[in-house]
């Protein structure tokens, strides 16, 4: 009996994650982390004022943290 896309009930009634679910989450987290690092690097290369760079970096970090929290099912 299928409960959701990521969990299923076995004969004992306990919930077990589907095979490969954890690996896809880890890959998604790794890709998100690498994209955050790349965007932060590109922001450093922009020819803009230092204060504006700091603001953009903070925005990128906050969006990145929210994305990572989504993958560990906080949101």
PDB file of N, CA and C in Angstrom:
ATOM      1  N   UNK A   1       0.847  -1.180   0.000  1.00  0.00           N
ATOM      2  CA  UNK A   1       0.000   0.000   0.000  1.00  0.00           C
ATOM      3  C   UNK A   1       0.888   1.236   0.000  1.00  0.00           C
ATOM      4  N   UNK A   2       0.721   2.074  -0.954  1.00  0.00           N
ATOM      5  CA  UNK A   2       1.550   3.264  -1.130  1.00  0.00           C
ATOM      6  C   UNK A   2       0.956   4.428  -0.356  1.00  0.00           C
ATOM      7  N   UNK A   3       1.765   5.092   0.489  1.00  0.00           N
ATOM      8  CA  UNK A   3       1.301   6.254   1.238  1.00  0.00           C
ATOM      9  C   UNK A   3       1.617   7.550   0.508  1.00  0.00           C
ATOM     10  N   UNK A   4       2.837   7.682   0.056  1.00  0.00           N
ATOM     11  CA  UNK A   4       3.240   8.889  -0.650  1.00  0.00           C
ATOM     12  C   UNK A   4       4.355   8.520  -1.610  1.00  0.00           C
ATOM     13  N   UNK A   5       4.919   9.519  -2.253  1.00  0.00           N
ATOM     14  CA  UNK A   5       5.977   9.257  -3.207  1.00  0.00           C
ATOM     15  C   UNK A   5       7.267   8.784  -2.575  1.00  0.00           C
ATOM     16  N   UNK A   6       7.440   8.996  -1.272  1.00  0.00           N
ATOM     17  CA  UNK A   6       8.720   8.658  -0.667  1.00  0.00           C
ATOM     18  C   UNK A   6       8.641   7.560   0.394  1.00  0.00           C
ATOM     19  N   UNK A   7       7.466   7.150   0.793  1.00  0.00           N
ATOM     20  CA  UNK A   7       7.344   6.142   1.846  1.00  0.00           C
ATOM     21  C   UNK A   7       6.367   5.052   1.402  1.00  0.00           C
ATOM     22  N   UNK A   8       6.546   3.858   1.953  1.00  0.00           N
ATOM     23  CA  UNK A   8       5.593   2.788   1.685  1.00  0.00           C
ATOM     24  C   UNK A   8       5.469   1.914   2.925  1.00  0.00           C
ATOM     25  N   UNK A   9       4.357   1.218   3.037  1.00  0.00           N
ATOM     26  CA  UNK A   9       4.111   0.341   4.180  1.00  0.00           C
ATOM     27  C   UNK A   9       4.469  -1.080   3.784  1.00  0.00           C
ATOM     28  N   UNK A  10       5.243  -1.727   4.619  1.00  0.00           N
ATOM     29  CA  UNK A  10       5.554  -3.133   4.410  1.00  0.00           C
ATOM     30  C   UNK A  10       4.564  -3.966   5.209  1.00  0.00           C
ATOM     31  N   UNK A  11       4.692  -5.261   5.184  1.00  0.00           N
ATOM     32  CA  UNK A  11       3.754  -6.153   5.841  1.00  0.00           C
ATOM     33  C   UNK A  11       3.607  -5.889   7.332  1.00  0.00           C
ATOM     34  N   UNK A  12       4.614  -5.362   7.984  1.00  0.00           N
ATOM     35  CA  UNK A  12       4.545  -5.119   9.421  1.00  0.00           C
ATOM     36  C   UNK A  12       3.836  -3.821   9.760  1.00  0.00           C
ATOM     37  N   UNK A  13       3.540  -2.993   8.768  1.00  0.00           N
ATOM     38  CA  UNK A  13       2.876  -1.726   9.029  1.00  0.00           C
ATOM     39  C   UNK A  13       3.832  -0.584   9.304  1.00  0.00           C
ATOM     40  N   UNK A  14       5.147  -0.853   9.278  1.00  0.00           N
ATOM     41  CA  UNK A  14       6.116   0.210   9.514  1.00  0.00           C
ATOM     42  C   UNK A  14       6.405   0.944   8.218  1.00  0.00           C
ATOM     43  N   UNK A  15       6.791   2.204   8.349  1.00  0.00           N
ATOM     44  CA  UNK A  15       7.132   3.005   7.181  1.00  0.00           C
ATOM     45  C   UNK A  15       8.610   2.843   6.858  1.00  0.00           C
ATOM     46  N   UNK A  16       8.907   2.615   5.618  1.00  0.00           N
ATOM     47  CA  UNK A  16      10.282   2.501   5.168  1.00  0.00           C
ATOM     48  C   UNK A  16      10.467   3.389   3.945  1.00  0.00           C
ATOM     49  N   UNK A  17      11.582   4.114   3.866  1.00  0.00           N
ATOM     50  CA  UNK A  17      11.808   4.928   2.665  1.00  0.00           C
ATOM     51  C   UNK A  17      12.056   4.036   1.458  1.00  0.00           C
ATOM     52  N   UNK A  18      11.661   4.530   0.300  1.00  0.00           N
ATOM     53  CA  UNK A  18      11.929   3.794  -0.922  1.00  0.00           C
ATOM     54  C   UNK A  18      13.425   3.756  -1.185  1.00  0.00           C
ATOM     55  N   UNK A  19      13.860   2.744  -1.872  1.00  0.00           N
ATOM     56  CA  UNK A  19      15.266   2.598  -2.214  1.00  0.00           C
ATOM     57  C   UNK A  19      15.705   3.735  -3.125  1.00  0.00           C
ATOM     58  N   UNK A  20      16.832   4.344  -2.849  1.00  0.00           N
ATOM     59  CA  UNK A  20      17.357   5.424  -3.667  1.00  0.00           C
ATOM     60  C   UNK A  20      16.866   6.804  -3.275  1.00  0.00           C
ATOM     61  N   UNK A  21      15.913   6.894  -2.368  1.00  0.00           N
ATOM     62  CA  UNK A  21      15.372   8.192  -1.965  1.00  0.00           C
ATOM     63  C   UNK A  21      16.439   9.034  -1.286  1.00  0.00           C
ATOM     64  N   UNK A  22      17.195   8.442  -0.382  1.00  0.00           N
ATOM     65  CA  UNK A  22      18.237   9.170   0.342  1.00  0.00           C
ATOM     66  C   UNK A  22      19.346   9.640  -0.568  1.00  0.00           C
ATOM     67  N   UNK A  23      19.692   8.826  -1.558  1.00  0.00           N
ATOM     68  CA  UNK A  23      20.766   9.191  -2.471  1.00  0.00           C
ATOM     69  C   UNK A  23      20.354  10.383  -3.328  1.00  0.00           C
ATOM     70  N   UNK A  24      19.114  10.425  -3.782  1.00  0.00           N
ATOM     71  CA  UNK A  24      18.677  11.554  -4.609  1.00  0.00           C
ATOM     72  C   UNK A  24      18.649  12.841  -3.794  1.00  0.00           C
ATOM     73  N   UNK A  25      18.295  12.740  -2.512  1.00  0.00           N
ATOM     74  CA  UNK A  25      18.314  13.927  -1.648  1.00  0.00           C
ATOM     75  C   UNK A  25      19.746  14.415  -1.463  1.00  0.00           C
ATOM     76  N   UNK A  26      20.675  13.498  -1.259  1.00  0.00           N
ATOM     77  CA  UNK A  26      22.077  13.892  -1.097  1.00  0.00           C
ATOM     78  C   UNK A  26      22.627  14.542  -2.362  1.00  0.00           C
ATOM     79  N   UNK A  27      22.272  14.007  -3.513  1.00  0.00           N
ATOM     80  CA  UNK A  27      22.726  14.593  -4.774  1.00  0.00           C
ATOM     81  C   UNK A  27      22.126  15.985  -4.948  1.00  0.00           C
ATOM     82  N   UNK A  28      20.858  16.150  -4.617  1.00  0.00           N
ATOM     83  CA  UNK A  28      20.211  17.453  -4.726  1.00  0.00           C
ATOM     84  C   UNK A  28      20.848  18.470  -3.796  1.00  0.00           C
ATOM     85  N   UNK A  29      21.157  18.052  -2.587  1.00  0.00           N
ATOM     86  CA  UNK A  29      21.818  18.944  -1.629  1.00  0.00           C
ATOM     87  C   UNK A  29      23.198  19.342  -2.141  1.00  0.00           C
ATOM     88  N   UNK A  30      23.940  18.395  -2.683  1.00  0.00           N
ATOM     89  CA  UNK A  30      25.275  18.678  -3.213  1.00  0.00           C
ATOM     90  C   UNK A  30      25.205  19.654  -4.386  1.00  0.00           C
ATOM     91  N   UNK A  31      24.272  19.437  -5.305  1.00  0.00           N
ATOM     92  CA  UNK A  31      24.128  20.334  -6.448  1.00  0.00           C
ATOM     93  C   UNK A  31      23.740  21.731  -5.984  1.00  0.00           C
ATOM     94  N   UNK A  32      22.813  21.825  -5.028  1.00  0.00           N
ATOM     95  CA  UNK A  32      22.406  23.126  -4.499  1.00  0.00           C
ATOM     96  C   UNK A  32      23.592  23.843  -3.858  1.00  0.00           C
ATOM     97  N   UNK A  33      24.371  23.119  -3.090  1.00  0.00           N
ATOM     98  CA  UNK A  33      25.543  23.694  -2.438  1.00  0.00           C
ATOM     99  C   UNK A  33      26.540  24.213  -3.475  1.00  0.00           C
ATOM    100  N   UNK A  34      26.776  23.434  -4.521  1.00  0.00           N
ATOM    101  CA  UNK A  34      27.709  23.866  -5.562  1.00  0.00           C
ATOM    102  C   UNK A  34      27.196  25.088  -6.315  1.00  0.00           C
ATOM    103  N   UNK A  35      25.892  25.168  -6.558  1.00  0.00           N
ATOM    104  CA  UNK A  35      25.323  26.334  -7.225  1.00  0.00           C
ATOM    105  C   UNK A  35      25.474  27.580  -6.351  1.00  0.00           C
ATOM    106  N   UNK A  36      25.265  27.428  -5.047  1.00  0.00           N
ATOM    107  CA  UNK A  36      25.438  28.565  -4.134  1.00  0.00           C
ATOM    108  C   UNK A  36      26.874  29.069  -4.184  1.00  0.00           C
ATOM    109  N   UNK A  37      27.834  28.150  -4.132  1.00  0.00           N
ATOM    110  CA  UNK A  37      29.253  28.526  -4.187  1.00  0.00           C
ATOM    111  C   UNK A  37      29.567  29.233  -5.511  1.00  0.00           C
ATOM    112  N   UNK A  38      29.039  28.709  -6.624  1.00  0.00           N
ATOM    113  CA  UNK A  38      29.285  29.324  -7.932  1.00  0.00           C
ATOM    114  C   UNK A  38      28.697  30.731  -8.001  1.00  0.00           C
ATOM    115  N   UNK A  39      27.484  30.915  -7.524  1.00  0.00           N
ATOM    116  CA  UNK A  39      26.854  32.237  -7.564  1.00  0.00           C
ATOM    117  C   UNK A  39      27.619  33.218  -6.675  1.00  0.00           C
ATOM    118  N   UNK A  40      28.049  32.772  -5.500  1.00  0.00           N
ATOM    119  CA  UNK A  40      28.834  33.655  -4.626  1.00  0.00           C
ATOM    120  C   UNK A  40      30.154  34.054  -5.290  1.00  0.00           C
ATOM    121  N   UNK A  41      30.772  33.121  -5.991  1.00  0.00           N
ATOM    122  CA  UNK A  41      32.010  33.433  -6.714  1.00  0.00           C
ATOM    123  C   UNK A  41      31.748  34.475  -7.809  1.00  0.00           C
ATOM    124  N   UNK A  42      30.660  34.281  -8.557  1.00  0.00           N
ATOM    125  CA  UNK A  42      30.335  35.217  -9.627  1.00  0.00           C
ATOM    126  C   UNK A  42      29.981  36.602  -9.089  1.00  0.00           C
ATOM    127  N   UNK A  43      29.349  36.657  -7.930  1.00  0.00           N
ATOM    128  CA  UNK A  43      29.028  37.947  -7.311  1.00  0.00           C
ATOM    129  C   UNK A  43      30.317  38.675  -6.941  1.00  0.00           C
ATOM    130  N   UNK A  44      31.309  37.936  -6.486  1.00  0.00           N
ATOM    131  CA  UNK A  44      32.598  38.554  -6.139  1.00  0.00           C
ATOM    132  C   UNK A  44      33.254  39.198  -7.354  1.00  0.00           C
ATOM    133  N   UNK A  45      33.015  38.660  -8.532  1.00  0.00           N
ATOM    134  CA  UNK A  45      33.631  39.157  -9.755  1.00  0.00           C
ATOM    135  C   UNK A  45      32.895  40.351 -10.356  1.00  0.00           C
ATOM    136  N   UNK A  46      31.724  40.689  -9.834  1.00  0.00           N
ATOM    137  CA  UNK A  46      30.955  41.810 -10.367  1.00  0.00           C
ATOM    138  C   UNK A  46      31.621  43.144 -10.036  1.00  0.00           C
ATOM    139  N   UNK A  47      31.622  44.076 -10.983  1.00  0.00           N
ATOM    140  CA  UNK A  47      32.221  45.390 -10.723  1.00  0.00           C
ATOM    141  C   UNK A  47      31.208  46.352 -10.079  1.00  0.00           C
ATOM    142  N   UNK A  48      30.779  46.024  -8.866  1.00  0.00           N
ATOM    143  CA  UNK A  48      29.832  46.890  -8.160  1.00  0.00           C
ATOM    144  C   UNK A  48      30.404  47.259  -6.800  1.00  0.00           C
ATOM    145  N   UNK A  49      29.742  48.186  -6.134  1.00  0.00           N
ATOM    146  CA  UNK A  49      30.163  48.682  -4.834  1.00  0.00           C
ATOM    147  C   UNK A  49      30.216  47.549  -3.804  1.00  0.00           C
ATOM    148  N   UNK A  50      31.110  47.669  -2.836  1.00  0.00           N
ATOM    149  CA  UNK A  50      31.277  46.636  -1.814  1.00  0.00           C
ATOM    150  C   UNK A  50      30.026  46.383  -0.991  1.00  0.00           C
ATOM    151  N   UNK A  51      29.300  47.453  -0.673  1.00  0.00           N
ATOM    152  CA  UNK A  51      28.063  47.309   0.117  1.00  0.00           C
ATOM    153  C   UNK A  51      27.010  46.535  -0.667  1.00  0.00           C
ATOM    154  N   UNK A  52      26.898  46.811  -1.964  1.00  0.00           N
ATOM    155  CA  UNK A  52      25.934  46.100  -2.806  1.00  0.00           C
ATOM    156  C   UNK A  52      26.309  44.625  -2.918  1.00  0.00           C
ATOM    157  N   UNK A  53      27.609  44.328  -3.003  1.00  0.00           N
ATOM    158  CA  UNK A  53      28.055  42.933  -3.046  1.00  0.00           C
ATOM    159  C   UNK A  53      27.653  42.200  -1.776  1.00  0.00           C
ATOM    160  N   UNK A  54      27.821  42.847  -0.630  1.00  0.00           N
ATOM    161  CA  UNK A  54      27.448  42.213   0.638  1.00  0.00           C
ATOM    162  C   UNK A  54      25.965  41.901   0.681  1.00  0.00           C
ATOM    163  N   UNK A  55      25.147  42.834   0.198  1.00  0.00           N
ATOM    164  CA  UNK A  55      23.700  42.619   0.204  1.00  0.00           C
ATOM    165  C   UNK A  55      23.336  41.455  -0.702  1.00  0.00           C
ATOM    166  N   UNK A  56      23.932  41.409  -1.892  1.00  0.00           N
ATOM    167  CA  UNK A  56      23.644  40.312  -2.821  1.00  0.00           C
ATOM    168  C   UNK A  56      24.117  38.983  -2.239  1.00  0.00           C
ATOM    169  N   UNK A  57      25.281  38.983  -1.587  1.00  0.00           N
ATOM    170  CA  UNK A  57      25.784  37.752  -0.980  1.00  0.00           C
ATOM    171  C   UNK A  57      24.846  37.254   0.123  1.00  0.00           C
ATOM    172  N   UNK A  58      24.341  38.165   0.936  1.00  0.00           N
ATOM    173  CA  UNK A  58      23.412  37.773   1.997  1.00  0.00           C
ATOM    174  C   UNK A  58      22.138  37.185   1.398  1.00  0.00           C
ATOM    175  N   UNK A  59      21.637  37.804   0.337  1.00  0.00           N
ATOM    176  CA  UNK A  59      20.425  37.291  -0.315  1.00  0.00           C
ATOM    177  C   UNK A  59      20.672  35.894  -0.874  1.00  0.00           C
ATOM    178  N   UNK A  60      21.822  35.692  -1.523  1.00  0.00           N
ATOM    179  CA  UNK A  60      22.152  34.378  -2.091  1.00  0.00           C
ATOM    180  C   UNK A  60      22.267  33.332  -0.989  1.00  0.00           C
ATOM    181  N   UNK A  61      22.904  33.669   0.113  1.00  0.00           N
ATOM    182  CA  UNK A  61      23.060  32.714   1.217  1.00  0.00           C
ATOM    183  C   UNK A  61      21.706  32.366   1.831  1.00  0.00           C
ATOM    184  N   UNK A  62      20.843  33.351   2.023  1.00  0.00           N
ATOM    185  CA  UNK A  62      19.519  33.080   2.607  1.00  0.00           C
ATOM    186  C   UNK A  62      18.699  32.182   1.676  1.00  0.00           C
ATOM    187  N   UNK A  63      18.699  32.486   0.387  1.00  0.00           N
ATOM    188  CA  UNK A  63      17.970  31.641  -0.567  1.00  0.00           C
ATOM    189  C   UNK A  63      18.562  30.235  -0.590  1.00  0.00           C
ATOM    190  N   UNK A  64      19.878  30.140  -0.530  1.00  0.00           N
ATOM    191  CA  UNK A  64      20.523  28.824  -0.507  1.00  0.00           C
ATOM    192  C   UNK A  64      20.172  28.024   0.727  1.00  0.00           C
ATOM    193  N   UNK A  65      20.150  28.673   1.881  1.00  0.00           N
ATOM    194  CA  UNK A  65      19.791  27.971   3.122  1.00  0.00           C
ATOM    195  C   UNK A  65      18.342  27.502   3.062  1.00  0.00           C
ATOM    196  N   UNK A  66      17.461  28.339   2.553  1.00  0.00           N
ATOM    197  CA  UNK A  66      16.056  27.929   2.416  1.00  0.00           C
ATOM    198  C   UNK A  66      15.917  26.741   1.463  1.00  0.00           C
ATOM    199  N   UNK A  67      16.690  26.732   0.397  1.00  0.00           N
ATOM    200  CA  UNK A  67      16.654  25.601  -0.539  1.00  0.00           C
ATOM    201  C   UNK A  67      17.149  24.328   0.131  1.00  0.00           C
ATOM    202  N   UNK A  68      18.229  24.444   0.891  1.00  0.00           N
ATOM    203  CA  UNK A  68      18.751  23.260   1.580  1.00  0.00           C
ATOM    204  C   UNK A  68      17.783  22.752   2.644  1.00  0.00           C
ATOM    205  N   UNK A  69      17.121  23.669   3.342  1.00  0.00           N
ATOM    206  CA  UNK A  69      16.134  23.254   4.347  1.00  0.00           C
ATOM    207  C   UNK A  69      14.940  22.554   3.702  1.00  0.00           C
ATOM    208  N   UNK A  70      14.619  22.939   2.474  1.00  0.00           N
ATOM    209  CA  UNK A  70      13.536  22.279   1.748  1.00  0.00           C
ATOM    210  C   UNK A  70      13.876  20.806   1.511  1.00  0.00           C
ATOM    211  N   UNK A  71      15.150  20.531   1.197  1.00  0.00           N
ATOM    212  CA  UNK A  71      15.549  19.150   0.924  1.00  0.00           C
ATOM    213  C   UNK A  71      15.554  18.268   2.163  1.00  0.00           C
ATOM    214  N   UNK A  72      15.761  18.853   3.327  1.00  0.00           N
ATOM    215  CA  UNK A  72      15.721  18.017   4.530  1.00  0.00           C
ATOM    216  C   UNK A  72      14.347  18.088   5.193  1.00  0.00           C
ATOM    217  N   UNK A  73      13.354  18.552   4.423  1.00  0.00           N
ATOM    218  CA  UNK A  73      11.929  18.514   4.789  1.00  0.00           C
ATOM    219  C   UNK A  73      11.591  19.362   6.000  1.00  0.00           C
ATOM    220  N   UNK A  74      12.228  20.514   6.131  1.00  0.00           N
ATOM    221  CA  UNK A  74      11.855  21.448   7.184  1.00  0.00           C
ATOM    222  C   UNK A  74      10.666  22.275   6.728  1.00  0.00           C
ATOM    223  N   UNK A  75      10.658  22.614   5.423  1.00  0.00           N
ATOM    224  CA  UNK A  75       9.547  23.378   4.861  1.00  0.00           C
ATOM    225  C   UNK A  75       8.703  22.470   4.007  1.00  0.00           C
TER     226      UNK A  75
END
